[in-house]
Amino acid sequence: MMDNDTRRQESKGRDSRKPTGGIPDAEVRTKAKLEALQHPATMFPLSLSIISAVYLGMLSPLFGGWLLAAGVCAVSAVAAVRSYRSHYAKSLPRVNREIRDHEKEEESRSEEVELSQAQDVLRKGFLNIASEEGTMVLSDLVTEYEQLRPAIAERRPADPFSVALVPALAAETYKRGLGVLSEALELIKVIQTPGKEKLDKEIAGLEQEAGVSEDEEVQAERVKLRKERLDSLKQRREMVERYQLYVDRLFGQAQRCEAALYKTRLELAAVRAGSSGATVDAVVQALQNTIHQAKLVQDELQKLGY
């Protein structure tokens, strides 16, 4: 099952390594400093300054020219410092942006791997318990998201600003869909042990048994035990039926996620085709509502202890 708390902790750990308030972190500053130092406009005067300093300290007493060497050393050192500061200031924002973009790409790849693993676990899980409905709902959800991914990955200058919100919302909708299916899988496993059909059969058997006389103490005790067993089985059957209701609700939420992704794909195509009736704002709102509804069902199950 996809653990939301675990994902939040991992995300918090990643965020703690990022700069706050727009201040570049040590990694960014170090890389920008190295680039500024290695720039030819910095390296040449710096090298000249070092050579001049060596000549001034070691060779000028023998060959003279210390005044010229001192002047060259001072001027080239100043030039090197100015070049370093200038190129550091220029490279810092770019390096910061490159590193952040790289981090986002790494996070995106990591998330794709996580989603792929979740898909595989769910697919195998539904197959193992022979849940045709679960397998079908999962397949529809995965297929729709895979069809949508190229559309949300594409960037066009003419796209409305709200299109930028779609990729993250679509991914969250998909993750919510996988999440409710994961919880449905766990509930189905509970329902199938021992299973409603077996409970119904055992209850029917107890109810059809002929009553025995309670005149004798032993026979009365047997009747009492039989009734207790019957009450226990009926309670378990009620629980199974309640679980089945939640499974149906979870499947319904997964189907809503799939439908929202489908609508998103159609609306994006319509917007990019120039359809005046298409609105990305409605798509954004629909995705947000779907995420909210799925979260409500998950929260309700958690409060009930499922």
Protein backbone atom coordinates (compact mmCIF):
# COMPACT_ATOMS: atom_id res chain seq x y z
CA MET A 1 0.00 0.00 0.00
CA MET A 2 1.24 3.45 -0.82
CA ASP A 3 1.96 5.12 2.54
CA ASN A 4 1.08 8.83 2.39
CA ASP A 5 2.87 9.57 5.66
CA THR A 6 6.06 7.96 4.34
CA ARG A 7 5.88 9.99 1.14
CA ARG A 8 5.39 13.19 3.13
CA GLN A 9 8.42 12.39 5.32
CA GLU A 10 10.57 11.66 2.26
CA SER A 11 9.41 14.87 0.63
CA LYS A 12 10.17 16.79 3.83
CA GLY A 13 13.65 15.29 3.88
CA ARG A 14 14.27 16.41 0.31
CA ASP A 15 12.90 19.89 1.01
CA SER A 16 15.20 20.27 4.01
CA ARG A 17 18.18 20.10 1.66
CA LYS A 18 16.86 22.92 -0.51
CA PRO A 19 17.56 26.61 0.12
CA THR A 20 14.96 28.64 1.92
CA GLY A 21 14.03 32.22 1.16
CA GLY A 22 15.76 32.04 -2.24
CA ILE A 23 19.24 31.74 -0.68
CA PRO A 24 21.41 29.27 -2.63
CA ASP A 25 22.74 26.38 -0.56
CA ALA A 26 26.37 25.34 -0.18
CA GLU A 27 26.32 23.04 -3.21
CA VAL A 28 25.12 25.83 -5.49
CA ARG A 29 27.61 28.38 -4.13
CA THR A 30 30.51 25.93 -4.41
CA LYS A 31 29.76 25.08 -8.02
CA ALA A 32 29.28 28.75 -8.95
CA LYS A 33 32.60 29.64 -7.29
CA LEU A 34 34.44 26.92 -9.20
CA GLU A 35 32.96 28.08 -12.49
CA ALA A 36 33.89 31.70 -11.78
CA LEU A 37 37.40 30.68 -10.75
CA GLN A 38 37.93 28.50 -13.82
CA HIS A 39 36.70 31.13 -16.26
CA PRO A 40 39.50 32.25 -18.66
CA ALA A 41 38.94 35.90 -17.72
CA THR A 42 39.76 34.93 -14.12
CA MET A 43 42.38 32.26 -14.69
CA PHE A 44 44.66 34.38 -16.91
CA PRO A 45 45.14 37.36 -14.54
CA LEU A 46 45.23 34.99 -11.56
CA SER A 47 48.00 32.95 -13.15
CA LEU A 48 49.88 36.13 -14.09
CA SER A 49 49.55 37.40 -10.53
CA ILE A 50 50.92 34.12 -9.11
CA ILE A 51 53.85 34.09 -11.55
CA SER A 52 54.62 37.72 -10.73
CA ALA A 53 54.50 37.00 -7.02
CA VAL A 54 56.89 34.06 -7.44
CA TYR A 55 59.28 36.20 -9.48
CA LEU A 56 59.02 39.01 -6.94
CA GLY A 57 59.83 36.77 -4.01
CA MET A 58 62.41 34.44 -5.52
CA LEU A 59 64.00 35.93 -8.65
CA SER A 60 63.86 39.71 -8.35
CA PRO A 61 66.72 39.78 -5.78
CA LEU A 62 68.91 38.13 -8.46
CA PHE A 63 67.66 39.74 -11.65
CA GLY A 64 65.98 42.92 -10.44
CA GLY A 65 62.75 44.33 -11.80
CA TRP A 66 60.97 43.96 -8.49
CA LEU A 67 58.98 47.16 -9.01
CA LEU A 68 57.59 45.97 -12.34
CA ALA A 69 56.86 42.53 -10.89
CA ALA A 70 55.04 44.09 -7.94
CA GLY A 71 52.96 46.26 -10.25
CA VAL A 72 52.04 43.35 -12.53
CA CYS A 73 51.19 41.23 -9.49
CA ALA A 74 48.92 43.89 -7.99
CA VAL A 75 47.13 44.80 -11.23
CA SER A 76 46.56 41.19 -12.28
CA ALA A 77 45.34 40.26 -8.78
CA VAL A 78 42.79 43.08 -8.86
CA ALA A 79 41.67 42.01 -12.34
CA ALA A 80 41.34 38.39 -11.21
CA VAL A 81 39.24 39.37 -8.17
CA ARG A 82 36.95 41.57 -10.26
CA SER A 83 36.49 38.88 -12.88
CA TYR A 84 35.82 36.27 -10.20
CA ARG A 85 33.16 38.39 -8.50
CA SER A 86 31.51 39.31 -11.80
CA HIS A 87 31.32 35.77 -13.12
CA TYR A 88 30.28 34.39 -9.73
CA ALA A 89 27.34 36.81 -9.63
CA LYS A 90 26.35 35.82 -13.18
CA SER A 91 26.71 32.06 -12.77
CA LEU A 92 25.03 31.79 -9.36
CA PRO A 93 21.39 32.08 -10.59
CA ARG A 94 22.06 29.80 -13.56
CA VAL A 95 23.79 27.13 -11.46
CA ASN A 96 21.03 27.35 -8.89
CA ARG A 97 18.43 26.85 -11.62
CA GLU A 98 20.34 23.95 -13.19
CA ILE A 99 20.72 22.13 -9.89
CA ARG A 100 17.06 22.64 -8.99
CA ASP A 101 16.00 21.41 -12.43
CA HIS A 102 18.21 18.37 -11.99
CA GLU A 103 16.68 17.69 -8.58
CA LYS A 104 13.20 17.94 -10.06
CA GLU A 105 14.13 15.51 -12.81
CA GLU A 106 15.53 13.08 -10.25
CA GLU A 107 12.39 13.39 -8.13
CA SER A 108 10.23 12.88 -11.21
CA ARG A 109 12.15 9.74 -12.18
CA SER A 110 11.96 8.46 -8.61
CA GLU A 111 8.22 9.08 -8.55
CA GLU A 112 7.77 7.25 -11.85
CA VAL A 113 9.62 4.25 -10.43
CA GLU A 114 7.47 4.36 -7.30
CA LEU A 115 4.25 4.52 -9.34
CA SER A 116 5.41 1.69 -11.59
CA GLN A 117 6.16 -0.48 -8.56
CA ALA A 118 2.76 0.37 -7.06
CA GLN A 119 1.05 -0.64 -10.31
CA ASP A 120 2.87 -3.97 -10.35
CA VAL A 121 2.01 -4.70 -6.71
CA LEU A 122 -1.67 -3.93 -7.29
CA ARG A 123 -1.84 -5.90 -10.52
CA LYS A 124 -0.29 -8.98 -8.90
CA GLY A 125 -2.45 -8.51 -5.82
CA PHE A 126 -5.73 -8.46 -7.73
CA LEU A 127 -4.63 -11.42 -9.84
CA ASN A 128 -3.71 -13.44 -6.74
CA ILE A 129 -7.15 -12.94 -5.20
CA ALA A 130 -8.90 -13.40 -8.58
CA SER A 131 -10.60 -9.99 -8.43
CA GLU A 132 -11.70 -9.33 -11.97
CA GLU A 133 -13.26 -6.00 -11.05
CA GLY A 134 -10.10 -4.79 -9.32
CA THR A 135 -7.94 -5.86 -12.26
CA MET A 136 -10.25 -4.10 -14.73
CA VAL A 137 -10.46 -0.85 -12.73
CA LEU A 138 -6.69 -0.78 -12.31
CA SER A 139 -6.11 -1.45 -16.00
CA ASP A 140 -8.46 1.38 -17.03
CA LEU A 141 -6.79 3.81 -14.62
CA VAL A 142 -3.25 2.94 -15.74
CA THR A 143 -4.18 3.07 -19.42
CA GLU A 144 -5.82 6.48 -19.13
CA TYR A 145 -2.88 7.99 -17.28
CA GLU A 146 -0.40 6.57 -19.78
CA GLN A 147 -2.42 8.12 -22.62
CA LEU A 148 -2.54 11.47 -20.82
CA ARG A 149 1.16 11.70 -19.98
CA PRO A 150 2.36 12.81 -23.45
CA ALA A 151 -0.25 15.58 -23.50
CA ILE A 152 0.66 17.00 -20.09
CA ALA A 153 4.40 16.69 -20.78
CA GLU A 154 4.06 18.82 -23.92
CA ARG A 155 4.58 22.56 -23.48
CA ARG A 156 3.28 25.08 -25.99
CA PRO A 157 3.72 28.86 -25.94
CA ALA A 158 0.03 29.31 -26.71
CA ASP A 159 -1.12 27.24 -23.72
CA PRO A 160 -3.13 29.12 -21.07
CA PHE A 161 -1.40 29.69 -17.75
CA SER A 162 -3.71 27.21 -16.01
CA VAL A 163 -2.29 24.39 -18.16
CA ALA A 164 0.83 24.57 -16.00
CA LEU A 165 -1.26 23.32 -13.06
CA VAL A 166 -2.53 20.24 -14.89
CA PRO A 167 0.55 17.93 -14.73
CA ALA A 168 0.85 18.01 -10.94
CA LEU A 169 -2.91 17.64 -10.44
CA ALA A 170 -3.11 14.78 -12.93
CA ALA A 171 -0.25 12.97 -11.21
CA GLU A 172 -1.88 13.48 -7.80
CA THR A 173 -5.21 12.22 -9.18
CA TYR A 174 -3.49 9.12 -10.49
CA LYS A 175 -1.72 8.50 -7.18
CA ARG A 176 -5.02 8.88 -5.33
CA GLY A 177 -6.55 6.35 -7.69
CA LEU A 178 -3.77 3.88 -6.96
CA GLY A 179 -4.11 4.64 -3.26
CA VAL A 180 -7.82 3.81 -3.06
CA LEU A 181 -7.23 0.65 -5.10
CA SER A 182 -4.51 -0.37 -2.66
CA GLU A 183 -6.94 0.01 0.23
CA ALA A 184 -9.62 -1.88 -1.71
CA LEU A 185 -7.15 -4.74 -2.23
CA GLU A 186 -6.48 -5.00 1.50
CA LEU A 187 -10.21 -5.03 2.31
CA ILE A 188 -10.90 -7.73 -0.29
CA LYS A 189 -8.25 -9.92 1.32
CA VAL A 190 -10.08 -9.56 4.63
CA ILE A 191 -13.46 -10.29 3.00
CA GLN A 192 -12.18 -13.46 1.36
CA THR A 193 -11.12 -14.95 4.70
CA PRO A 194 -13.28 -16.95 5.25
CA GLY A 195 -15.55 -15.43 2.61
CA LYS A 196 -19.22 -14.48 2.57
CA GLU A 197 -20.33 -17.66 0.80
CA LYS A 198 -18.71 -19.88 3.41
CA LEU A 199 -20.26 -17.81 6.22
CA ASP A 200 -23.70 -18.01 4.59
CA LYS A 201 -23.39 -21.77 4.23
CA GLU A 202 -22.35 -22.27 7.84
CA ILE A 203 -25.10 -19.98 9.12
CA ALA A 204 -27.71 -21.79 7.03
CA GLY A 205 -26.50 -25.10 8.37
CA LEU A 206 -26.82 -23.98 11.97
CA GLU A 207 -30.25 -22.48 11.38
CA GLN A 208 -31.52 -25.69 9.76
CA GLU A 209 -30.33 -27.99 12.51
CA ALA A 210 -33.17 -29.57 14.41
CA GLY A 211 -33.71 -28.23 17.87
CA VAL A 212 -32.99 -30.53 20.77
CA SER A 213 -34.69 -30.82 24.09
CA GLU A 214 -33.34 -28.57 26.78
CA ASP A 215 -34.64 -30.84 29.55
CA GLU A 216 -31.20 -32.27 30.00
CA GLU A 217 -28.44 -29.94 31.10
CA VAL A 218 -25.92 -31.21 28.53
CA GLN A 219 -28.32 -30.71 25.65
CA ALA A 220 -29.18 -27.22 26.87
CA GLU A 221 -25.51 -26.28 26.93
CA ARG A 222 -25.10 -27.51 23.36
CA VAL A 223 -28.01 -25.37 22.22
CA LYS A 224 -26.50 -22.36 23.96
CA LEU A 225 -23.13 -22.88 22.27
CA ARG A 226 -24.82 -23.32 18.90
CA LYS A 227 -26.68 -20.03 19.33
CA GLU A 228 -23.50 -18.22 20.34
CA ARG A 229 -21.74 -19.59 17.28
CA LEU A 230 -24.64 -18.50 15.09
CA ASP A 231 -24.57 -14.96 16.53
CA SER A 232 -20.81 -14.76 15.99
CA LEU A 233 -21.12 -15.87 12.37
CA LYS A 234 -23.88 -13.35 11.69
CA GLN A 235 -21.74 -10.56 13.13
CA ARG A 236 -18.85 -11.60 10.89
CA ARG A 237 -21.17 -11.66 7.89
CA GLU A 238 -22.37 -8.14 8.68
CA MET A 239 -18.77 -7.01 8.88
CA VAL A 240 -17.99 -8.62 5.53
CA GLU A 241 -20.98 -6.90 3.96
CA ARG A 242 -19.85 -3.58 5.40
CA TYR A 243 -16.35 -4.15 4.05
CA GLN A 244 -17.78 -5.00 0.63
CA LEU A 245 -19.64 -1.69 0.65
CA TYR A 246 -16.38 0.17 1.26
CA VAL A 247 -14.68 -1.84 -1.48
CA ASP A 248 -17.41 -0.74 -3.89
CA ARG A 249 -16.92 2.88 -2.80
CA LEU A 250 -13.17 2.63 -3.28
CA PHE A 251 -13.60 1.13 -6.74
CA GLY A 252 -16.00 3.97 -7.50
CA GLN A 253 -13.42 6.56 -6.45
CA ALA A 254 -10.76 4.92 -8.63
CA GLN A 255 -13.18 5.06 -11.56
CA ARG A 256 -13.80 8.75 -10.85
CA CYS A 257 -10.06 9.33 -10.99
CA GLU A 258 -9.89 7.52 -14.33
CA ALA A 259 -12.84 9.57 -15.67
CA ALA A 260 -11.20 12.83 -14.55
CA LEU A 261 -7.98 11.90 -16.36
CA TYR A 262 -9.98 11.04 -19.47
CA LYS A 263 -11.77 14.38 -19.40
CA THR A 264 -8.46 16.15 -18.89
CA ARG A 265 -7.02 14.51 -21.98
CA LEU A 266 -10.00 15.51 -24.11
CA GLU A 267 -10.10 19.09 -22.85
CA LEU A 268 -6.37 19.61 -23.39
CA ALA A 269 -6.72 18.37 -26.95
CA ALA A 270 -9.67 20.71 -27.48
CA VAL A 271 -7.83 23.71 -26.05
CA ARG A 272 -4.79 23.10 -28.25
CA ALA A 273 -7.06 22.63 -31.25
CA GLY A 274 -8.50 26.09 -30.65
CA SER A 275 -11.95 25.07 -29.42
CA SER A 276 -13.65 28.10 -27.90
CA GLY A 277 -15.81 25.93 -25.65
CA ALA A 278 -12.88 24.19 -24.01
CA THR A 279 -11.72 25.54 -20.66
CA VAL A 280 -8.71 24.34 -18.72
CA ASP A 281 -10.04 25.99 -15.57
CA ALA A 282 -12.90 23.49 -15.53
CA VAL A 283 -10.41 20.65 -15.92
CA VAL A 284 -8.33 21.96 -13.02
CA GLN A 285 -11.43 22.23 -10.85
CA ALA A 286 -12.56 18.72 -11.77
CA LEU A 287 -9.15 17.25 -10.88
CA GLN A 288 -9.11 19.10 -7.56
CA ASN A 289 -12.61 17.87 -6.71
CA THR A 290 -11.68 14.29 -7.59
CA ILE A 291 -8.58 14.41 -5.40
CA HIS A 292 -10.63 15.87 -2.55
CA GLN A 293 -13.34 13.19 -2.80
CA ALA A 294 -10.81 10.36 -2.88
CA LYS A 295 -9.05 11.83 0.15
CA LEU A 296 -12.34 12.04 2.05
CA VAL A 297 -13.03 8.34 1.48
CA GLN A 298 -9.49 7.39 2.53
CA ASP A 299 -9.72 9.56 5.65
CA GLU A 300 -13.09 8.02 6.52
CA LEU A 301 -11.64 4.53 6.31
CA GLN A 302 -8.69 5.52 8.49
CA LYS A 303 -11.02 6.94 11.15
CA LEU A 304 -12.95 3.66 11.17
CA GLY A 305 -9.73 1.75 11.62
CA TYR A 306 -9.62 0.12 8.19
